[in-house]
Amino acid sequence: MAKPEGRVVTANLPLDLVERMDVIAERMERTKSWIVKEALTEWLADEERRHQLTLEALREIDEGHVLSHEQVLEYVALKKAQARAKS
């Protein structure tokens, strides 16, 4: 059986984090390596999405799609009034 490609990465983690990971690894019958890979995969996907949203927001600003402070305050006041009307 071929060994999967990869690299070993070392990280100095707080003891309490490692202890929590040990408990979950045992409960799930998974390795700590699997847990770290899963967690890092999710975090990287979230970070990449946040970066894309930031780039989109900056592009919107560059294109002039912005609201003034007064427009934002008016919008918030409208939403508050609508919420009060519903209750």
Protein backbone atom coordinates (compact mmCIF):
# COMPACT_ATOMS: atom_id res chain seq x y z
CA MET A 1 0.00 0.00 0.00
CA ALA A 2 1.41 3.40 -1.01
CA LYS A 3 2.02 5.92 1.72
CA PRO A 4 0.04 9.15 1.17
CA GLU A 5 2.10 12.17 0.18
CA GLY A 6 2.53 14.84 2.78
CA ARG A 7 4.92 16.65 5.07
CA VAL A 8 5.29 16.61 8.78
CA VAL A 9 4.52 19.97 10.36
CA THR A 10 5.40 20.64 13.97
CA ALA A 11 3.39 22.97 16.18
CA ASN A 12 3.80 23.91 19.81
CA LEU A 13 0.28 23.68 21.24
CA PRO A 14 -0.98 24.59 24.70
CA LEU A 15 -1.28 21.57 26.98
CA ASP A 16 -5.01 22.05 27.56
CA LEU A 17 -5.65 22.02 23.80
CA VAL A 18 -3.69 18.81 23.36
CA GLU A 19 -5.51 17.19 26.28
CA ARG A 20 -8.87 18.09 24.75
CA MET A 21 -7.69 16.70 21.43
CA ASP A 22 -6.59 13.45 23.13
CA VAL A 23 -10.05 13.00 24.63
CA ILE A 24 -11.82 13.61 21.34
CA ALA A 25 -9.38 11.45 19.38
CA GLU A 26 -10.03 8.54 21.72
CA ARG A 27 -13.79 9.07 21.65
CA MET A 28 -13.86 9.25 17.83
CA GLU A 29 -11.26 6.51 17.41
CA ARG A 30 -9.22 8.85 15.21
CA THR A 31 -5.62 9.99 15.34
CA LYS A 32 -4.58 13.43 16.49
CA SER A 33 -3.12 13.89 13.03
CA TRP A 34 -6.57 13.30 11.51
CA ILE A 35 -8.15 15.83 13.89
CA VAL A 36 -5.52 18.46 13.12
CA LYS A 37 -5.90 17.88 9.37
CA GLU A 38 -9.71 18.18 9.58
CA ALA A 39 -9.57 21.31 11.75
CA LEU A 40 -6.94 22.97 9.57
CA THR A 41 -8.85 22.14 6.39
CA GLU A 42 -11.98 23.81 7.80
CA TRP A 43 -10.07 26.84 9.09
CA LEU A 44 -8.28 27.35 5.78
CA ALA A 45 -11.56 27.15 3.86
CA ASP A 46 -13.11 29.74 6.22
CA GLU A 47 -10.08 32.00 5.91
CA GLU A 48 -10.06 31.75 2.12
CA ARG A 49 -13.79 32.64 2.05
CA ARG A 50 -13.21 35.64 4.36
CA HIS A 51 -10.41 36.80 2.08
CA GLN A 52 -12.63 36.53 -1.00
CA LEU A 53 -15.40 38.48 0.75
CA THR A 54 -12.89 41.18 1.66
CA LEU A 55 -11.70 41.43 -1.94
CA GLU A 56 -15.31 41.65 -3.14
CA ALA A 57 -16.06 44.40 -0.60
CA LEU A 58 -12.99 46.38 -1.68
CA ARG A 59 -14.02 45.99 -5.31
CA GLU A 60 -17.50 47.31 -4.43
CA ILE A 61 -15.91 50.33 -2.76
CA ASP A 62 -13.66 50.96 -5.76
CA GLU A 63 -16.78 50.86 -7.98
CA GLY A 64 -18.46 53.44 -5.78
CA HIS A 65 -21.07 51.12 -4.28
CA VAL A 66 -21.05 52.67 -0.83
CA LEU A 67 -23.53 54.19 1.59
CA SER A 68 -23.03 57.38 3.54
CA HIS A 69 -23.08 57.33 7.31
CA GLU A 70 -26.47 59.06 7.21
CA GLN A 71 -27.88 56.40 4.87
CA VAL A 72 -26.75 53.66 7.23
CA LEU A 73 -28.34 55.42 10.22
CA GLU A 74 -31.60 55.82 8.27
CA TYR A 75 -31.56 52.12 7.37
CA VAL A 76 -30.96 51.10 10.99
CA ALA A 77 -33.75 53.39 12.19
CA LEU A 78 -36.11 51.89 9.60
CA LYS A 79 -35.26 48.33 10.65
CA LYS A 80 -35.76 49.20 14.34
CA ALA A 81 -39.13 50.77 13.56
CA GLN A 82 -40.17 47.69 11.57
CA ALA A 83 -39.12 45.41 14.44
CA ARG A 84 -41.11 47.50 16.95
CA ALA A 85 -44.15 47.40 14.68
CA LYS A 86 -44.01 43.59 14.57
CA SER A 87 -43.96 43.24 18.37
